[in-house]
C-alpha atoms as a PDB file:
ATOM      1  CA  UNK A   1    -190.675 132.126  90.453  1.00  0.00           C
ATOM      2  CA  UNK A   2    -187.278 131.348  91.930  1.00  0.00           C
ATOM      3  CA  UNK A   3    -184.246 131.671  89.866  1.00  0.00           C
ATOM      4  CA  UNK A   4    -183.627 127.574  89.900  1.00  0.00           C
ATOM      5  CA  UNK A   5    -187.030 127.032  88.249  1.00  0.00           C
ATOM      6  CA  UNK A   6    -186.216 129.391  85.116  1.00  0.00           C
ATOM      7  CA  UNK A   7    -182.726 127.997  84.949  1.00  0.00           C
ATOM      8  CA  UNK A   8    -184.465 124.543  84.338  1.00  0.00           C
ATOM      9  CA  UNK A   9    -187.041 125.992  81.928  1.00  0.00           C
ATOM     10  CA  UNK A  10    -183.964 127.166  80.156  1.00  0.00           C
ATOM     11  CA  UNK A  11    -182.253 124.113  80.187  1.00  0.00           C
ATOM     12  CA  UNK A  12    -185.788 122.637  78.913  1.00  0.00           C
ATOM     13  CA  UNK A  13    -186.025 125.342  75.792  1.00  0.00           C
ATOM     14  CA  UNK A  14    -182.053 124.465  74.940  1.00  0.00           C
ATOM     15  CA  UNK A  15    -182.404 121.259  74.364  1.00  0.00           C
ATOM     16  CA  UNK A  16    -183.478 121.627  71.040  1.00  0.00           C
ATOM     17  CA  UNK A  17    -180.649 123.938  70.124  1.00  0.00           C
ATOM     18  CA  UNK A  18    -178.516 121.415  71.893  1.00  0.00           C
ATOM     19  CA  UNK A  19    -179.826 118.797  69.678  1.00  0.00           C
ATOM     20  CA  UNK A  20    -179.986 120.949  66.081  1.00  0.00           C
ATOM     21  CA  UNK A  21    -176.329 122.103  66.778  1.00  0.00           C
ATOM     22  CA  UNK A  22    -175.067 118.364  67.219  1.00  0.00           C
ATOM     23  CA  UNK A  23    -176.876 117.679  64.036  1.00  0.00           C
ATOM     24  CA  UNK A  24    -175.306 120.683  62.417  1.00  0.00           C
ATOM     25  CA  UNK A  25    -171.697 119.785  63.587  1.00  0.00           C
ATOM     26  CA  UNK A  26    -171.789 116.300  62.384  1.00  0.00           C
ATOM     27  CA  UNK A  27    -171.956 117.714  58.652  1.00  0.00           C
ATOM     28  CA  UNK A  28    -168.765 119.548  59.228  1.00  0.00           C
ATOM     29  CA  UNK A  29    -169.985 122.645  57.074  1.00  0.00           C
ATOM     30  CA  UNK A  30    -169.860 125.045  60.203  1.00  0.00           C
ATOM     31  CA  UNK A  31    -166.437 125.023  61.800  1.00  0.00           C
ATOM     32  CA  UNK A  32    -163.943 127.666  62.791  1.00  0.00           C
ATOM     33  CA  UNK A  33    -164.651 130.759  64.835  1.00  0.00           C
ATOM     34  CA  UNK A  34    -167.186 132.821  62.734  1.00  0.00           C
ATOM     35  CA  UNK A  35    -169.588 129.830  61.577  1.00  0.00           C
ATOM     36  CA  UNK A  36    -169.822 128.596  65.723  1.00  0.00           C
ATOM     37  CA  UNK A  37    -170.105 132.026  66.943  1.00  0.00           C
ATOM     38  CA  UNK A  38    -173.077 133.148  64.382  1.00  0.00           C
ATOM     39  CA  UNK A  39    -174.783 129.590  65.085  1.00  0.00           C
ATOM     40  CA  UNK A  40    -174.595 129.635  68.868  1.00  0.00           C
ATOM     41  CA  UNK A  41    -174.957 133.619  69.056  1.00  0.00           C
ATOM     42  CA  UNK A  42    -178.201 133.369  66.784  1.00  0.00           C
ATOM     43  CA  UNK A  43    -179.748 130.220  69.063  1.00  0.00           C
ATOM     44  CA  UNK A  44    -179.341 132.232  72.505  1.00  0.00           C
ATOM     45  CA  UNK A  45    -180.570 135.752  70.460  1.00  0.00           C
ATOM     46  CA  UNK A  46    -183.900 133.693  69.334  1.00  0.00           C
ATOM     47  CA  UNK A  47    -184.290 132.165  72.067  1.00  0.00           C
ATOM     48  CA  UNK A  48    -184.284 135.021  74.551  1.00  0.00           C
ATOM     49  CA  UNK A  49    -185.946 137.397  71.432  1.00  0.00           C
ATOM     50  CA  UNK A  50    -188.893 134.958  71.456  1.00  0.00           C
ATOM     51  CA  UNK A  51    -189.261 134.939  74.975  1.00  0.00           C
ATOM     52  CA  UNK A  52    -189.610 138.508  74.867  1.00  0.00           C
ATOM     53  CA  UNK A  53    -191.784 138.609  71.937  1.00  0.00           C
ATOM     54  CA  UNK A  54    -194.347 135.752  73.571  1.00  0.00           C
ATOM     55  CA  UNK A  55    -194.449 138.240  76.629  1.00  0.00           C
ATOM     56  CA  UNK A  56    -195.151 141.103  74.502  1.00  0.00           C
ATOM     57  CA  UNK A  57    -197.691 139.105  72.199  1.00  0.00           C
ATOM     58  CA  UNK A  58    -200.412 138.871  74.630  1.00  0.00           C
ATOM     59  CA  UNK A  59    -202.918 135.819  74.738  1.00  0.00           C
ATOM     60  CA  UNK A  60    -204.185 136.437  71.632  1.00  0.00           C
ATOM     61  CA  UNK A  61    -201.710 136.175  69.132  1.00  0.00           C
ATOM     62  CA  UNK A  62    -200.460 132.907  70.933  1.00  0.00           C
ATOM     63  CA  UNK A  63    -203.712 131.095  71.071  1.00  0.00           C
ATOM     64  CA  UNK A  64    -203.314 131.653  66.939  1.00  0.00           C
ATOM     65  CA  UNK A  65    -199.952 130.821  66.644  1.00  0.00           C
ATOM     66  CA  UNK A  66    -200.257 127.963  69.155  1.00  0.00           C
ATOM     67  CA  UNK A  67    -202.400 126.042  66.668  1.00  0.00           C
ATOM     68  CA  UNK A  68    -199.753 126.008  64.115  1.00  0.00           C
ATOM     69  CA  UNK A  69    -196.240 126.873  65.927  1.00  0.00           C
ATOM     70  CA  UNK A  70    -195.325 122.899  65.881  1.00  0.00           C
ATOM     71  CA  UNK A  71    -196.059 122.639  62.486  1.00  0.00           C
ATOM     72  CA  UNK A  72    -193.716 125.409  61.454  1.00  0.00           C
ATOM     73  CA  UNK A  73    -190.922 124.025  63.590  1.00  0.00           C
ATOM     74  CA  UNK A  74    -191.571 120.629  61.602  1.00  0.00           C
ATOM     75  CA  UNK A  75    -191.483 121.858  58.252  1.00  0.00           C
ATOM     76  CA  UNK A  76    -188.490 123.726  59.013  1.00  0.00           C
ATOM     77  CA  UNK A  77    -186.921 121.098  60.649  1.00  0.00           C
ATOM     78  CA  UNK A  78    -187.474 118.751  57.847  1.00  0.00           C
ATOM     79  CA  UNK A  79    -186.359 121.032  55.107  1.00  0.00           C
ATOM     80  CA  UNK A  80    -182.880 121.522  56.641  1.00  0.00           C
ATOM     81  CA  UNK A  81    -182.828 117.716  57.472  1.00  0.00           C
ATOM     82  CA  UNK A  82    -183.631 116.677  54.207  1.00  0.00           C
ATOM     83  CA  UNK A  83    -180.848 119.036  52.888  1.00  0.00           C
ATOM     84  CA  UNK A  84    -178.280 117.306  55.120  1.00  0.00           C
ATOM     85  CA  UNK A  85    -179.040 113.877  54.285  1.00  0.00           C
ATOM     86  CA  UNK A  86    -178.897 114.965  50.848  1.00  0.00           C
ATOM     87  CA  UNK A  87    -175.270 116.549  51.444  1.00  0.00           C
ATOM     88  CA  UNK A  88    -174.364 113.043  53.076  1.00  0.00           C
ATOM     89  CA  UNK A  89    -175.063 111.010  49.827  1.00  0.00           C
ATOM     90  CA  UNK A  90    -173.136 113.357  47.438  1.00  0.00           C
ATOM     91  CA  UNK A  91    -170.150 112.168  46.169  1.00  0.00           C
ATOM     92  CA  UNK A  92    -167.054 113.548  47.533  1.00  0.00           C
ATOM     93  CA  UNK A  93    -165.769 117.166  45.587  1.00  0.00           C
ATOM     94  CA  UNK A  94    -169.580 118.019  44.579  1.00  0.00           C
ATOM     95  CA  UNK A  95    -171.022 121.233  45.680  1.00  0.00           C
ATOM     96  CA  UNK A  96    -172.453 120.446  49.344  1.00  0.00           C
ATOM     97  CA  UNK A  97    -176.276 120.603  49.876  1.00  0.00           C
ATOM     98  CA  UNK A  98    -175.930 122.874  52.941  1.00  0.00           C
ATOM     99  CA  UNK A  99    -172.475 124.951  52.424  1.00  0.00           C
ATOM    100  CA  UNK A 100    -172.736 126.811  55.805  1.00  0.00           C
ATOM    101  CA  UNK A 101    -175.834 126.471  57.920  1.00  0.00           C
ATOM    102  CA  UNK A 102    -174.657 129.548  60.300  1.00  0.00           C
ATOM    103  CA  UNK A 103    -175.497 131.558  57.079  1.00  0.00           C
ATOM    104  CA  UNK A 104    -178.505 133.203  55.612  1.00  0.00           C
ATOM    105  CA  UNK A 105    -182.105 131.674  55.444  1.00  0.00           C
ATOM    106  CA  UNK A 106    -180.828 128.218  56.783  1.00  0.00           C
ATOM    107  CA  UNK A 107    -179.547 130.143  59.955  1.00  0.00           C
ATOM    108  CA  UNK A 108    -182.729 132.187  60.388  1.00  0.00           C
ATOM    109  CA  UNK A 109    -184.939 128.807  59.454  1.00  0.00           C
ATOM    110  CA  UNK A 110    -183.115 126.984  62.145  1.00  0.00           C
ATOM    111  CA  UNK A 111    -183.242 129.550  64.862  1.00  0.00           C
ATOM    112  CA  UNK A 112    -186.978 130.322  64.323  1.00  0.00           C
ATOM    113  CA  UNK A 113    -187.740 126.570  64.500  1.00  0.00           C
ATOM    114  CA  UNK A 114    -185.680 125.777  67.901  1.00  0.00           C
ATOM    115  CA  UNK A 115    -187.281 129.045  69.518  1.00  0.00           C
ATOM    116  CA  UNK A 116    -190.754 128.839  68.812  1.00  0.00           C
ATOM    117  CA  UNK A 117    -191.685 127.038  72.256  1.00  0.00           C
ATOM    118  CA  UNK A 118    -190.095 130.333  73.693  1.00  0.00           C
ATOM    119  CA  UNK A 119    -192.921 132.095  72.563  1.00  0.00           C
ATOM    120  CA  UNK A 120    -195.088 130.448  74.851  1.00  0.00           C
ATOM    121  CA  UNK A 121    -192.430 130.430  77.600  1.00  0.00           C
ATOM    122  CA  UNK A 122    -192.896 134.124  77.403  1.00  0.00           C
ATOM    123  CA  UNK A 123    -196.483 134.226  77.673  1.00  0.00           C
ATOM    124  CA  UNK A 124    -196.534 132.307  80.732  1.00  0.00           C
ATOM    125  CA  UNK A 125    -193.733 134.276  82.322  1.00  0.00           C
ATOM    126  CA  UNK A 126    -195.623 137.223  81.924  1.00  0.00           C
ATOM    127  CA  UNK A 127    -198.837 135.730  83.243  1.00  0.00           C
ATOM    128  CA  UNK A 128    -196.794 134.607  86.494  1.00  0.00           C
ATOM    129  CA  UNK A 129    -195.842 138.100  86.968  1.00  0.00           C
ATOM    130  CA  UNK A 130    -191.552 137.270  87.017  1.00  0.00           C
ATOM    131  CA  UNK A 131    -188.893 139.615  85.735  1.00  0.00           C
ATOM    132  CA  UNK A 132    -189.099 138.509  81.745  1.00  0.00           C
ATOM    133  CA  UNK A 133    -186.053 140.917  80.903  1.00  0.00           C
ATOM    134  CA  UNK A 134    -183.740 138.938  83.516  1.00  0.00           C
ATOM    135  CA  UNK A 135    -185.709 135.454  82.543  1.00  0.00           C
ATOM    136  CA  UNK A 136    -185.350 136.000  78.794  1.00  0.00           C
ATOM    137  CA  UNK A 137    -181.581 137.061  79.321  1.00  0.00           C
ATOM    138  CA  UNK A 138    -180.792 133.825  81.162  1.00  0.00           C
ATOM    139  CA  UNK A 139    -183.270 131.590  78.598  1.00  0.00           C
ATOM    140  CA  UNK A 140    -181.064 133.220  75.601  1.00  0.00           C
ATOM    141  CA  UNK A 141    -177.485 132.236  77.499  1.00  0.00           C
ATOM    142  CA  UNK A 142    -178.299 128.495  78.373  1.00  0.00           C
ATOM    143  CA  UNK A 143    -179.464 128.507  74.731  1.00  0.00           C
ATOM    144  CA  UNK A 144    -176.248 129.649  73.417  1.00  0.00           C
ATOM    145  CA  UNK A 145    -174.496 128.024  75.869  1.00  0.00           C
ATOM    146  CA  UNK A 146    -175.509 124.374  74.913  1.00  0.00           C
ATOM    147  CA  UNK A 147    -175.965 124.960  71.269  1.00  0.00           C
ATOM    148  CA  UNK A 148    -171.857 125.988  71.759  1.00  0.00           C
ATOM    149  CA  UNK A 149    -171.432 122.779  73.448  1.00  0.00           C
ATOM    150  CA  UNK A 150    -173.506 120.755  70.896  1.00  0.00           C
ATOM    151  CA  UNK A 151    -172.003 122.323  67.864  1.00  0.00           C
ATOM    152  CA  UNK A 152    -168.540 121.547  69.395  1.00  0.00           C
ATOM    153  CA  UNK A 153    -169.606 118.280  70.166  1.00  0.00           C
ATOM    154  CA  UNK A 154    -170.832 117.908  66.667  1.00  0.00           C
ATOM    155  CA  UNK A 155    -167.890 118.765  64.967  1.00  0.00           C
ATOM    156  CA  UNK A 156    -165.685 116.455  66.977  1.00  0.00           C
ATOM    157  CA  UNK A 157    -168.071 113.246  65.366  1.00  0.00           C
ATOM    158  CA  UNK A 158    -167.994 114.666  62.162  1.00  0.00           C
ATOM    159  CA  UNK A 159    -164.043 114.954  62.032  1.00  0.00           C
ATOM    160  CA  UNK A 160    -164.107 111.452  63.359  1.00  0.00           C
ATOM    161  CA  UNK A 161    -166.669 109.610  61.187  1.00  0.00           C
ATOM    162  CA  UNK A 162    -166.986 111.908  58.287  1.00  0.00           C
ATOM    163  CA  UNK A 163    -169.844 111.993  55.748  1.00  0.00           C
ATOM    164  CA  UNK A 164    -172.297 109.536  57.639  1.00  0.00           C
ATOM    165  CA  UNK A 165    -172.253 111.503  60.589  1.00  0.00           C
ATOM    166  CA  UNK A 166    -173.959 114.267  57.832  1.00  0.00           C
ATOM    167  CA  UNK A 167    -176.690 111.571  57.417  1.00  0.00           C
ATOM    168  CA  UNK A 168    -177.107 111.076  61.335  1.00  0.00           C
ATOM    169  CA  UNK A 169    -177.612 114.745  61.427  1.00  0.00           C
ATOM    170  CA  UNK A 170    -180.276 115.347  58.880  1.00  0.00           C
ATOM    171  CA  UNK A 171    -181.899 112.240  60.667  1.00  0.00           C
ATOM    172  CA  UNK A 172    -181.423 113.763  64.015  1.00  0.00           C
ATOM    173  CA  UNK A 173    -183.141 117.195  62.865  1.00  0.00           C
ATOM    174  CA  UNK A 174    -186.186 114.916  60.982  1.00  0.00           C
ATOM    175  CA  UNK A 175    -186.333 112.921  64.455  1.00  0.00           C
ATOM    176  CA  UNK A 176    -186.596 116.616  66.299  1.00  0.00           C
ATOM    177  CA  UNK A 177    -189.098 117.729  63.787  1.00  0.00           C
ATOM    178  CA  UNK A 178    -191.191 114.628  63.978  1.00  0.00           C
ATOM    179  CA  UNK A 179    -191.053 114.933  67.854  1.00  0.00           C
ATOM    180  CA  UNK A 180    -192.243 118.733  67.969  1.00  0.00           C
ATOM    181  CA  UNK A 181    -195.317 117.078  65.940  1.00  0.00           C
ATOM    182  CA  UNK A 182    -195.889 114.183  67.896  1.00  0.00           C
ATOM    183  CA  UNK A 183    -195.680 115.725  71.043  1.00  0.00           C
ATOM    184  CA  UNK A 184    -197.874 118.368  70.131  1.00  0.00           C
ATOM    185  CA  UNK A 185    -200.367 115.781  68.755  1.00  0.00           C
ATOM    186  CA  UNK A 186    -200.580 113.191  71.521  1.00  0.00           C
ATOM    187  CA  UNK A 187    -200.481 116.185  74.171  1.00  0.00           C
END
């Protein structure tokens, strides 16, 4: 498989990372070098890691996971999206619903939710006899880069439009979750 094909696959997989990063950025709670680094690093790491995991898992495990992967992503994205909407509806001075989505369980949930598709891609790459390590590295790198772009753009929108962008970010995450389920159910 040519490198440009792997690159296009990487862009396709990274679109969820970009959209989620855009949504997180609008909340204005992941501002600064460290939160930004944690977010784009983990999104890239999970995308590349799930690609490798899919390659290692084999057909049996992927068939088992394929039946529920869309529901896992849906639940995780809905959970974080609802928390962001709650945060957007809070009055100034109240404790934020998501203090920093680049930390702890929220970061893990977002990373898993955006990288579940990479598991199936890893299996496909193994069946096509391509170099999975360089492919996983490219997929992780593109995902990290697009996450950084999405987060930076989202932060700018959040600074400009304030709390209303946190509501938009939550709706974006819920929309992505719904898209994952609808795409799977429709085919």
